[in-house]
């Protein structure tokens, strides 16, 4: 197992290259169709969900969690991220640019004034549209 660097920032491009190299070295490209990667991603989201399933509401920062629970959470979050990065690569989607575009679209759809009015009226909205 390789040592993990304590750098401040890891780019999506670095993750994309590492995942492509990882799959190629193991001859897994043949299995990495968009459908297969999506199904694997959904499975990993399920594993991530299990961590929170019976905990009720959890405060930010997870102050009551044991260190090993936080490590496990990090592993499952990483699985989700890595499958998402691999899926976007296989589909030819620049995930970073797509995400920034989506933030811009959400800013248009949910302008600051509207958001503040909604918060004052206790209305909820979804940013995932």
Protein backbone atom coordinates (compact mmCIF):
# COMPACT_ATOMS: atom_id res chain seq x y z
CA UNK A 1 0.00 0.00 0.00
CA UNK A 2 1.31 3.44 -0.86
CA UNK A 3 1.74 6.30 1.55
CA UNK A 4 -0.89 9.02 1.32
CA UNK A 5 0.53 12.50 0.84
CA UNK A 6 -0.59 15.20 3.25
CA UNK A 7 -0.90 17.81 0.51
CA UNK A 8 -3.62 20.41 0.86
CA UNK A 9 -5.37 19.82 -2.45
CA UNK A 10 -6.06 16.90 -4.76
CA UNK A 11 -7.56 17.70 -8.14
CA UNK A 12 -10.27 15.80 -9.96
CA UNK A 13 -7.77 15.42 -12.81
CA UNK A 14 -5.33 13.62 -10.50
CA UNK A 15 -8.07 11.30 -9.26
CA UNK A 16 -9.21 10.65 -12.84
CA UNK A 17 -5.68 9.66 -13.89
CA UNK A 18 -5.16 7.47 -10.83
CA UNK A 19 -8.45 5.67 -11.41
CA UNK A 20 -7.71 5.16 -15.11
CA UNK A 21 -4.24 3.81 -14.30
CA UNK A 22 -5.66 1.57 -11.56
CA UNK A 23 -8.24 0.05 -13.91
CA UNK A 24 -5.79 -0.34 -16.80
CA UNK A 25 -3.16 -2.06 -14.62
CA UNK A 26 -5.75 -4.65 -13.57
CA UNK A 27 -7.31 -5.01 -17.03
CA UNK A 28 -10.63 -3.75 -15.64
CA UNK A 29 -11.42 -1.33 -18.48
CA UNK A 30 -13.45 -4.10 -20.08
CA UNK A 31 -15.82 -3.98 -17.08
CA UNK A 32 -16.01 -0.19 -16.75
CA UNK A 33 -19.02 0.56 -18.91
CA UNK A 34 -21.16 3.54 -17.88
CA UNK A 35 -23.92 1.19 -16.69
CA UNK A 36 -21.59 -0.96 -14.59
CA UNK A 37 -19.93 2.05 -13.02
CA UNK A 38 -23.28 3.65 -12.24
CA UNK A 39 -24.53 0.48 -10.56
CA UNK A 40 -21.31 0.25 -8.54
CA UNK A 41 -21.73 3.91 -7.57
CA UNK A 42 -25.30 3.27 -6.40
CA UNK A 43 -24.05 0.33 -4.31
CA UNK A 44 -21.45 2.55 -2.68
CA UNK A 45 -24.06 5.24 -1.94
CA UNK A 46 -26.04 2.48 -0.21
CA UNK A 47 -23.02 1.60 1.93
CA UNK A 48 -22.59 5.28 2.77
CA UNK A 49 -26.26 5.52 3.71
CA UNK A 50 -25.94 2.58 6.09
CA UNK A 51 -23.48 4.55 8.20
CA UNK A 52 -26.17 7.15 8.96
CA UNK A 53 -29.19 4.85 8.86
CA UNK A 54 -29.96 4.59 12.59
CA UNK A 55 -28.14 7.66 13.92
CA UNK A 56 -30.95 10.20 13.56
CA UNK A 57 -29.87 13.77 12.96
CA UNK A 58 -26.11 14.18 13.26
CA UNK A 59 -24.51 17.55 14.09
CA UNK A 60 -21.93 19.05 11.76
CA UNK A 61 -18.41 17.88 12.43
CA UNK A 62 -19.68 14.60 13.93
CA UNK A 63 -18.52 15.54 17.46
CA UNK A 64 -19.91 12.37 19.08
CA UNK A 65 -18.42 9.94 16.57
CA UNK A 66 -15.47 7.70 17.36
CA UNK A 67 -12.36 8.13 15.24
CA UNK A 68 -12.84 4.72 13.59
CA UNK A 69 -16.39 5.75 12.59
CA UNK A 70 -15.02 8.87 10.93
CA UNK A 71 -12.35 6.83 9.14
CA UNK A 72 -15.02 4.42 7.87
CA UNK A 73 -17.13 7.38 6.71
CA UNK A 74 -14.12 8.77 4.84
CA UNK A 75 -13.60 5.44 3.11
CA UNK A 76 -17.22 5.22 1.95
CA UNK A 77 -17.28 8.86 0.83
CA UNK A 78 -14.10 8.15 -1.11
CA UNK A 79 -15.65 5.12 -2.79
CA UNK A 80 -18.55 7.28 -3.97
CA UNK A 81 -16.22 10.02 -5.21
CA UNK A 82 -13.91 7.63 -7.02
CA UNK A 83 -16.74 5.86 -8.84
CA UNK A 84 -18.24 9.23 -9.78
CA UNK A 85 -14.90 10.46 -11.14
CA UNK A 86 -14.41 7.22 -13.09
CA UNK A 87 -17.97 7.34 -14.46
CA UNK A 88 -17.55 10.93 -15.62
CA UNK A 89 -14.24 10.03 -17.29
CA UNK A 90 -15.73 7.04 -19.12
CA UNK A 91 -18.67 9.21 -20.25
CA UNK A 92 -16.36 12.00 -21.44
CA UNK A 93 -17.77 14.56 -19.00
CA UNK A 94 -15.45 17.10 -17.39
CA UNK A 95 -16.84 16.75 -13.87
CA UNK A 96 -15.21 19.91 -12.53
CA UNK A 97 -16.58 22.08 -15.34
CA UNK A 98 -20.00 20.39 -15.13
CA UNK A 99 -20.14 21.03 -11.37
CA UNK A 100 -19.18 24.69 -11.74
CA UNK A 101 -21.80 25.09 -14.48
CA UNK A 102 -24.41 23.51 -12.20
CA UNK A 103 -23.53 25.93 -9.38
CA UNK A 104 -24.01 28.82 -11.82
CA UNK A 105 -27.36 27.42 -12.98
CA UNK A 106 -28.47 27.00 -9.36
CA UNK A 107 -27.47 30.60 -8.64
CA UNK A 108 -29.80 31.72 -11.44
CA UNK A 109 -32.58 29.38 -10.36
CA UNK A 110 -32.25 30.31 -6.67
CA UNK A 111 -31.13 33.95 -6.53
CA UNK A 112 -30.00 35.36 -3.19
CA UNK A 113 -33.15 37.48 -2.81
CA UNK A 114 -35.42 34.49 -3.39
CA UNK A 115 -33.37 32.37 -1.00
CA UNK A 116 -33.57 34.98 1.75
CA UNK A 117 -37.33 35.37 1.23
CA UNK A 118 -37.78 31.60 1.37
CA UNK A 119 -35.75 31.34 4.58
CA UNK A 120 -37.88 34.03 6.18
CA UNK A 121 -41.06 32.18 5.21
CA UNK A 122 -39.71 28.77 6.33
CA UNK A 123 -40.08 27.38 2.80
CA UNK A 124 -37.72 24.69 1.64
CA UNK A 125 -36.22 24.07 -1.78
CA UNK A 126 -33.90 21.58 -3.39
CA UNK A 127 -30.58 22.55 -4.94
CA UNK A 128 -30.33 19.20 -6.70
CA UNK A 129 -32.75 20.02 -9.54
